[in-house]
Amino acid sequence: MSTGPGAVAASRVDITPEAAALVAQLVEQHGPVMFHQSGGCCDGSSPMCFPDGDFITSEADVLLGEVAGAPFWMSASQYEYWRHTHLTVDVVKGRGAGFSLEAPEGVRFLIRSRLLTDEEVALEEPARGGRD
């Protein structure tokens, strides 16, 4: 893991500055938010943003980390396919096909991905399970 001034700890999920600014705007409008990585269907494998707690997580989900203060969840079965992938939440113009909070803003969150580095592969596996 990197150390020293300005070092950033390794993680499985991150967010661009533009997407973080949108999250801050959504928090102002809706209160705390959460993400759940969609597995496809009408959401097209997009990161979905909900008011925190509106999407019920369970033992079938894993908590990958936190982005811009928001927990980022993924289904455990999808994680099995993506376990060697680092995800970065970004935002682009255009309306998504889901129920994510950013839809009325004329933008949509999307995932940019790459393989994990050796440092990231060594991270502890994400926690399974929903919240109390």
N, C-alpha and C. Protein backbone atom coordinates (compact mmCIF):
# COMPACT_ATOMS: atom_id res chain seq x y z
N MET A 1 0.84 -1.17 0.00
CA MET A 1 0.00 0.00 0.00
C MET A 1 0.89 1.23 0.00
N SER A 2 0.48 2.28 -0.71
CA SER A 2 1.24 3.52 -0.76
C SER A 2 1.21 4.21 0.59
N THR A 3 2.33 4.84 0.94
CA THR A 3 2.38 5.59 2.18
C THR A 3 2.97 6.95 1.90
N GLY A 4 2.88 7.83 2.89
CA GLY A 4 3.45 9.16 2.75
C GLY A 4 2.38 10.20 2.49
N PRO A 5 2.78 11.46 2.46
CA PRO A 5 1.83 12.55 2.26
C PRO A 5 1.09 12.40 0.93
N GLY A 6 -0.22 12.58 0.97
CA GLY A 6 -1.03 12.51 -0.23
C GLY A 6 -1.27 11.11 -0.75
N ALA A 7 -0.78 10.08 -0.06
CA ALA A 7 -0.96 8.71 -0.53
C ALA A 7 -2.43 8.31 -0.42
N VAL A 8 -2.88 7.53 -1.36
CA VAL A 8 -4.26 7.06 -1.36
C VAL A 8 -4.22 5.55 -1.15
N ALA A 9 -5.01 5.07 -0.21
CA ALA A 9 -5.06 3.64 0.06
C ALA A 9 -5.69 2.91 -1.13
N ALA A 10 -5.26 1.69 -1.34
CA ALA A 10 -5.83 0.86 -2.40
C ALA A 10 -7.29 0.56 -2.07
N SER A 11 -8.11 0.45 -3.11
CA SER A 11 -9.52 0.15 -2.91
C SER A 11 -10.05 -0.61 -4.12
N ARG A 12 -11.25 -1.11 -4.00
CA ARG A 12 -11.90 -1.81 -5.10
C ARG A 12 -12.82 -0.89 -5.90
N VAL A 13 -13.18 0.26 -5.31
CA VAL A 13 -14.10 1.18 -5.97
C VAL A 13 -13.68 2.61 -5.68
N ASP A 14 -13.84 3.47 -6.68
CA ASP A 14 -13.46 4.87 -6.56
C ASP A 14 -14.49 5.69 -7.32
N ILE A 15 -14.29 7.02 -7.32
CA ILE A 15 -15.25 7.90 -7.98
C ILE A 15 -14.48 9.07 -8.58
N THR A 16 -14.93 9.55 -9.73
CA THR A 16 -14.30 10.72 -10.34
C THR A 16 -14.74 11.98 -9.60
N PRO A 17 -13.97 13.05 -9.70
CA PRO A 17 -14.38 14.31 -9.06
C PRO A 17 -15.75 14.81 -9.55
N GLU A 18 -16.03 14.64 -10.83
CA GLU A 18 -17.32 15.08 -11.39
C GLU A 18 -18.47 14.28 -10.79
N ALA A 19 -18.29 12.98 -10.67
CA ALA A 19 -19.34 12.14 -10.08
C ALA A 19 -19.49 12.43 -8.60
N ALA A 20 -18.38 12.71 -7.90
CA ALA A 20 -18.45 13.05 -6.48
C ALA A 20 -19.22 14.35 -6.28
N ALA A 21 -19.04 15.32 -7.17
CA ALA A 21 -19.78 16.58 -7.08
C ALA A 21 -21.27 16.32 -7.27
N LEU A 22 -21.63 15.43 -8.18
CA LEU A 22 -23.04 15.08 -8.37
C LEU A 22 -23.60 14.38 -7.13
N VAL A 23 -22.82 13.50 -6.53
CA VAL A 23 -23.27 12.84 -5.30
C VAL A 23 -23.55 13.89 -4.22
N ALA A 24 -22.67 14.87 -4.08
CA ALA A 24 -22.87 15.94 -3.08
C ALA A 24 -24.18 16.69 -3.37
N GLN A 25 -24.45 16.96 -4.62
CA GLN A 25 -25.70 17.63 -5.01
C GLN A 25 -26.91 16.76 -4.66
N LEU A 26 -26.82 15.46 -4.95
CA LEU A 26 -27.93 14.55 -4.64
C LEU A 26 -28.15 14.43 -3.15
N VAL A 27 -27.07 14.44 -2.37
CA VAL A 27 -27.19 14.38 -0.90
C VAL A 27 -27.90 15.64 -0.40
N GLU A 28 -27.59 16.79 -0.97
CA GLU A 28 -28.28 18.03 -0.58
C GLU A 28 -29.78 17.93 -0.85
N GLN A 29 -30.14 17.30 -1.96
CA GLN A 29 -31.55 17.20 -2.36
C GLN A 29 -32.30 16.08 -1.64
N HIS A 30 -31.62 14.95 -1.37
CA HIS A 30 -32.31 13.75 -0.91
C HIS A 30 -31.84 13.22 0.43
N GLY A 31 -30.79 13.79 0.99
CA GLY A 31 -30.19 13.22 2.19
C GLY A 31 -29.17 12.16 1.80
N PRO A 32 -28.67 11.38 2.77
CA PRO A 32 -27.65 10.37 2.47
C PRO A 32 -28.09 9.41 1.36
N VAL A 33 -27.12 9.00 0.55
CA VAL A 33 -27.40 8.11 -0.58
C VAL A 33 -26.54 6.86 -0.50
N MET A 34 -26.88 5.89 -1.31
CA MET A 34 -26.13 4.64 -1.44
C MET A 34 -26.09 4.26 -2.91
N PHE A 35 -25.14 3.40 -3.27
CA PHE A 35 -25.07 2.85 -4.62
C PHE A 35 -25.27 1.34 -4.55
N HIS A 36 -25.88 0.81 -5.59
CA HIS A 36 -25.91 -0.63 -5.81
C HIS A 36 -25.60 -0.85 -7.28
N GLN A 37 -24.58 -1.65 -7.56
CA GLN A 37 -24.19 -1.93 -8.94
C GLN A 37 -25.19 -2.88 -9.55
N SER A 38 -25.90 -2.40 -10.54
CA SER A 38 -26.91 -3.19 -11.21
C SER A 38 -26.26 -4.32 -12.01
N GLY A 39 -26.95 -5.42 -12.09
CA GLY A 39 -26.46 -6.57 -12.83
C GLY A 39 -26.95 -6.62 -14.26
N GLY A 40 -27.65 -5.61 -14.71
CA GLY A 40 -28.13 -5.61 -16.09
C GLY A 40 -29.62 -5.36 -16.16
N CYS A 41 -30.30 -6.03 -17.07
CA CYS A 41 -31.73 -5.84 -17.31
C CYS A 41 -31.94 -4.41 -17.79
N CYS A 42 -32.97 -3.74 -17.29
CA CYS A 42 -33.29 -2.39 -17.78
C CYS A 42 -32.23 -1.37 -17.38
N ASP A 43 -31.43 -1.66 -16.35
CA ASP A 43 -30.44 -0.70 -15.89
C ASP A 43 -29.14 -0.78 -16.68
N GLY A 44 -28.98 -1.79 -17.51
CA GLY A 44 -27.81 -1.91 -18.35
C GLY A 44 -26.50 -1.97 -17.60
N SER A 45 -26.47 -2.60 -16.45
CA SER A 45 -25.26 -2.76 -15.65
C SER A 45 -24.69 -1.41 -15.20
N SER A 46 -25.57 -0.52 -14.77
CA SER A 46 -25.18 0.80 -14.30
C SER A 46 -25.16 0.84 -12.78
N PRO A 47 -24.33 1.73 -12.22
CA PRO A 47 -24.39 1.93 -10.78
C PRO A 47 -25.65 2.74 -10.47
N MET A 48 -26.50 2.23 -9.63
CA MET A 48 -27.76 2.88 -9.29
C MET A 48 -27.61 3.60 -7.96
N CYS A 49 -28.06 4.85 -7.90
CA CYS A 49 -27.97 5.68 -6.70
C CYS A 49 -29.37 5.83 -6.11
N PHE A 50 -29.50 5.49 -4.84
CA PHE A 50 -30.79 5.55 -4.14
C PHE A 50 -30.64 6.32 -2.84
N PRO A 51 -31.75 6.84 -2.29
CA PRO A 51 -31.66 7.32 -0.91
C PRO A 51 -31.15 6.18 -0.04
N ASP A 52 -30.25 6.49 0.87
CA ASP A 52 -29.62 5.45 1.70
C ASP A 52 -30.69 4.61 2.40
N GLY A 53 -30.62 3.31 2.20
CA GLY A 53 -31.55 2.38 2.81
C GLY A 53 -32.76 2.04 1.96
N ASP A 54 -33.00 2.77 0.85
CA ASP A 54 -34.16 2.46 0.00
C ASP A 54 -33.97 1.17 -0.78
N PHE A 55 -32.74 0.81 -1.08
CA PHE A 55 -32.47 -0.48 -1.71
C PHE A 55 -32.07 -1.41 -0.58
N ILE A 56 -32.83 -2.44 -0.36
CA ILE A 56 -32.59 -3.36 0.76
C ILE A 56 -31.49 -4.34 0.37
N THR A 57 -30.41 -4.33 1.13
CA THR A 57 -29.32 -5.28 0.90
C THR A 57 -29.48 -6.46 1.85
N SER A 58 -28.85 -7.57 1.48
CA SER A 58 -28.98 -8.80 2.27
C SER A 58 -27.69 -9.61 2.17
N GLU A 59 -27.73 -10.83 2.63
CA GLU A 59 -26.59 -11.74 2.51
C GLU A 59 -26.22 -11.98 1.05
N ALA A 60 -27.10 -11.62 0.13
CA ALA A 60 -26.84 -11.80 -1.30
C ALA A 60 -26.05 -10.64 -1.89
N ASP A 61 -25.61 -9.68 -1.04
CA ASP A 61 -24.88 -8.51 -1.49
C ASP A 61 -23.55 -8.39 -0.77
N VAL A 62 -22.59 -7.70 -1.41
CA VAL A 62 -21.31 -7.40 -0.78
C VAL A 62 -21.11 -5.88 -0.79
N LEU A 63 -20.46 -5.38 0.24
CA LEU A 63 -20.13 -3.97 0.35
C LEU A 63 -18.70 -3.79 -0.17
N LEU A 64 -18.56 -3.19 -1.35
CA LEU A 64 -17.24 -3.02 -1.96
C LEU A 64 -16.45 -1.89 -1.32
N GLY A 65 -17.13 -0.91 -0.79
CA GLY A 65 -16.47 0.23 -0.20
C GLY A 65 -17.40 1.42 -0.14
N GLU A 66 -16.80 2.59 -0.12
CA GLU A 66 -17.55 3.83 -0.03
C GLU A 66 -17.00 4.80 -1.06
N VAL A 67 -17.89 5.54 -1.72
CA VAL A 67 -17.48 6.58 -2.67
C VAL A 67 -18.21 7.86 -2.31
N ALA A 68 -17.47 8.94 -2.15
CA ALA A 68 -18.05 10.24 -1.81
C ALA A 68 -18.99 10.14 -0.61
N GLY A 69 -18.62 9.29 0.35
CA GLY A 69 -19.42 9.13 1.56
C GLY A 69 -20.60 8.19 1.42
N ALA A 70 -20.77 7.58 0.27
CA ALA A 70 -21.91 6.70 0.02
C ALA A 70 -21.45 5.24 -0.06
N PRO A 71 -22.12 4.33 0.67
CA PRO A 71 -21.76 2.91 0.54
C PRO A 71 -22.03 2.42 -0.88
N PHE A 72 -21.15 1.52 -1.36
CA PHE A 72 -21.26 0.98 -2.71
C PHE A 72 -21.41 -0.54 -2.61
N TRP A 73 -22.58 -1.04 -2.97
CA TRP A 73 -22.93 -2.46 -2.88
C TRP A 73 -22.99 -3.10 -4.25
N MET A 74 -22.84 -4.42 -4.27
CA MET A 74 -22.97 -5.23 -5.49
C MET A 74 -23.51 -6.59 -5.07
N SER A 75 -24.29 -7.21 -5.95
CA SER A 75 -24.76 -8.56 -5.61
C SER A 75 -23.56 -9.50 -5.52
N ALA A 76 -23.62 -10.43 -4.59
CA ALA A 76 -22.52 -11.37 -4.38
C ALA A 76 -22.26 -12.20 -5.63
N SER A 77 -23.31 -12.58 -6.34
CA SER A 77 -23.11 -13.39 -7.55
C SER A 77 -22.41 -12.58 -8.64
N GLN A 78 -22.73 -11.31 -8.78
CA GLN A 78 -22.05 -10.48 -9.76
C GLN A 78 -20.60 -10.24 -9.33
N TYR A 79 -20.38 -10.07 -8.03
CA TYR A 79 -19.02 -9.87 -7.53
C TYR A 79 -18.12 -11.04 -7.91
N GLU A 80 -18.65 -12.26 -7.92
CA GLU A 80 -17.84 -13.42 -8.30
C GLU A 80 -17.25 -13.25 -9.70
N TYR A 81 -17.98 -12.60 -10.60
CA TYR A 81 -17.48 -12.35 -11.95
C TYR A 81 -16.54 -11.16 -11.99
N TRP A 82 -16.77 -10.15 -11.14
CA TRP A 82 -16.04 -8.89 -11.19
C TRP A 82 -14.99 -8.78 -10.10
N ARG A 83 -14.70 -9.84 -9.38
CA ARG A 83 -13.82 -9.76 -8.20
C ARG A 83 -12.40 -9.28 -8.50
N HIS A 84 -11.95 -9.37 -9.74
CA HIS A 84 -10.60 -8.92 -10.11
C HIS A 84 -10.64 -7.57 -10.84
N THR A 85 -11.75 -6.85 -10.67
CA THR A 85 -11.95 -5.60 -11.38
C THR A 85 -12.07 -4.43 -10.41
N HIS A 86 -11.34 -3.36 -10.71
CA HIS A 86 -11.49 -2.11 -9.97
C HIS A 86 -12.54 -1.28 -10.69
N LEU A 87 -13.49 -0.73 -9.93
CA LEU A 87 -14.57 0.06 -10.50
C LEU A 87 -14.38 1.54 -10.17
N THR A 88 -14.64 2.39 -11.14
CA THR A 88 -14.65 3.84 -10.91
C THR A 88 -15.99 4.37 -11.36
N VAL A 89 -16.69 5.02 -10.44
CA VAL A 89 -17.98 5.63 -10.76
C VAL A 89 -17.70 6.95 -11.47
N ASP A 90 -18.31 7.14 -12.62
CA ASP A 90 -18.17 8.36 -13.39
C ASP A 90 -19.58 8.85 -13.74
N VAL A 91 -19.68 10.01 -14.37
CA VAL A 91 -20.96 10.55 -14.78
C VAL A 91 -20.83 11.09 -16.20
N VAL A 92 -21.85 10.86 -17.02
CA VAL A 92 -21.88 11.35 -18.39
C VAL A 92 -23.25 11.95 -18.68
N LYS A 93 -23.31 12.81 -19.69
CA LYS A 93 -24.59 13.38 -20.10
C LYS A 93 -25.45 12.28 -20.70
N GLY A 94 -26.75 12.42 -20.53
CA GLY A 94 -27.69 11.46 -21.08
C GLY A 94 -28.48 10.81 -19.97
N ARG A 95 -29.66 10.39 -20.30
CA ARG A 95 -30.55 9.82 -19.30
C ARG A 95 -30.43 8.30 -19.34
N GLY A 96 -30.26 7.70 -18.16
CA GLY A 96 -30.21 6.25 -18.06
C GLY A 96 -31.61 5.67 -18.11
N ALA A 97 -31.70 4.36 -18.08
CA ALA A 97 -32.99 3.68 -18.19
C ALA A 97 -33.47 3.15 -16.85
N GLY A 98 -32.89 3.62 -15.75
CA GLY A 98 -33.25 3.07 -14.45
C GLY A 98 -33.96 4.06 -13.56
N PHE A 99 -33.94 3.75 -12.27
CA PHE A 99 -34.61 4.57 -11.27
C PHE A 99 -33.62 5.30 -10.39
N SER A 100 -32.44 5.51 -10.87
CA SER A 100 -31.37 6.15 -10.11
C SER A 100 -31.67 7.64 -9.91
N LEU A 101 -31.25 8.17 -8.77
CA LEU A 101 -31.58 9.55 -8.39
C LEU A 101 -31.10 10.62 -9.36
N GLU A 102 -30.06 10.35 -10.12
CA GLU A 102 -29.51 11.37 -11.01
C GLU A 102 -30.31 11.53 -12.30
N ALA A 103 -31.23 10.62 -12.61
CA ALA A 103 -31.95 10.64 -13.89
C ALA A 103 -32.60 11.99 -14.21
N PRO A 104 -33.27 12.65 -13.28
CA PRO A 104 -33.89 13.95 -13.63
C PRO A 104 -32.87 15.06 -13.95
N GLU A 105 -31.61 14.84 -13.64
CA GLU A 105 -30.58 15.85 -13.87
C GLU A 105 -30.05 15.82 -15.30
N GLY A 106 -30.51 14.87 -16.11
CA GLY A 106 -30.04 14.77 -17.50
C GLY A 106 -28.67 14.14 -17.64
N VAL A 107 -28.23 13.44 -16.60
CA VAL A 107 -26.95 12.73 -16.61
C VAL A 107 -27.18 11.33 -16.06
N ARG A 108 -26.15 10.50 -16.19
CA ARG A 108 -26.25 9.16 -15.61
C ARG A 108 -24.88 8.72 -15.11
N PHE A 109 -24.91 7.97 -14.03
CA PHE A 109 -23.67 7.36 -13.55
C PHE A 109 -23.33 6.19 -14.45
N LEU A 110 -22.05 5.92 -14.60
CA LEU A 110 -21.60 4.72 -15.30
C LEU A 110 -20.32 4.24 -14.63
N ILE A 111 -19.97 3.01 -14.94
CA ILE A 111 -18.77 2.39 -14.37
C ILE A 111 -17.68 2.32 -15.42
N ARG A 112 -16.50 2.74 -15.02
CA ARG A 112 -15.30 2.51 -15.81
C ARG A 112 -14.52 1.44 -15.04
N SER A 113 -13.97 0.49 -15.73
CA SER A 113 -13.33 -0.61 -15.02
C SER A 113 -11.95 -0.93 -15.59
N ARG A 114 -11.17 -1.57 -14.75
CA ARG A 114 -9.84 -2.07 -15.13
C ARG A 114 -9.53 -3.23 -14.19
N LEU A 115 -8.54 -4.02 -14.55
CA LEU A 115 -8.12 -5.11 -13.67
C LEU A 115 -7.46 -4.53 -12.42
N LEU A 116 -7.61 -5.22 -11.31
CA LEU A 116 -6.98 -4.80 -10.07
C LEU A 116 -5.46 -4.88 -10.18
N THR A 117 -4.78 -3.98 -9.50
CA THR A 117 -3.33 -4.06 -9.38
C THR A 117 -2.99 -5.14 -8.36
N ASP A 118 -1.71 -5.53 -8.27
CA ASP A 118 -1.31 -6.50 -7.25
C ASP A 118 -1.65 -6.01 -5.85
N GLU A 119 -1.47 -4.72 -5.63
CA GLU A 119 -1.79 -4.13 -4.33
C GLU A 119 -3.28 -4.26 -4.01
N GLU A 120 -4.12 -4.04 -5.00
CA GLU A 120 -5.56 -4.14 -4.80
C GLU A 120 -6.02 -5.58 -4.65
N VAL A 121 -5.38 -6.50 -5.37
CA VAL A 121 -5.73 -7.92 -5.25
C VAL A 121 -5.51 -8.39 -3.81
N ALA A 122 -4.52 -7.82 -3.15
CA ALA A 122 -4.19 -8.22 -1.78
C ALA A 122 -5.19 -7.67 -0.74
N LEU A 123 -6.11 -6.83 -1.17
CA LEU A 123 -7.10 -6.29 -0.23
C LEU A 123 -7.96 -7.41 0.35
N GLU A 124 -8.43 -7.18 1.55
CA GLU A 124 -9.37 -8.11 2.18
C GLU A 124 -10.63 -8.19 1.33
N GLU A 125 -11.23 -9.38 1.27
CA GLU A 125 -12.48 -9.56 0.53
C GLU A 125 -13.56 -8.67 1.15
N PRO A 126 -14.46 -8.11 0.32
CA PRO A 126 -15.52 -7.28 0.86
C PRO A 126 -16.48 -8.05 1.76
N ALA A 127 -17.10 -7.33 2.67
CA ALA A 127 -18.05 -7.94 3.60
C ALA A 127 -19.35 -8.27 2.91
N ARG A 128 -19.87 -9.44 3.23
CA ARG A 128 -21.19 -9.84 2.72
C ARG A 128 -22.24 -9.46 3.74
N GLY A 129 -23.43 -9.26 3.24
CA GLY A 129 -24.55 -9.08 4.14
C GLY A 129 -25.13 -7.69 4.12
N GLY A 130 -26.40 -7.64 4.48
CA GLY A 130 -27.11 -6.36 4.52
C GLY A 130 -26.87 -5.63 5.80
N ARG A 131 -27.57 -4.54 5.93
CA ARG A 131 -27.45 -3.72 7.13
C ARG A 131 -28.56 -4.05 8.10
N ASP A 132 -28.29 -3.77 9.36
CA ASP A 132 -29.31 -4.00 10.38
C ASP A 132 -30.40 -2.97 10.29
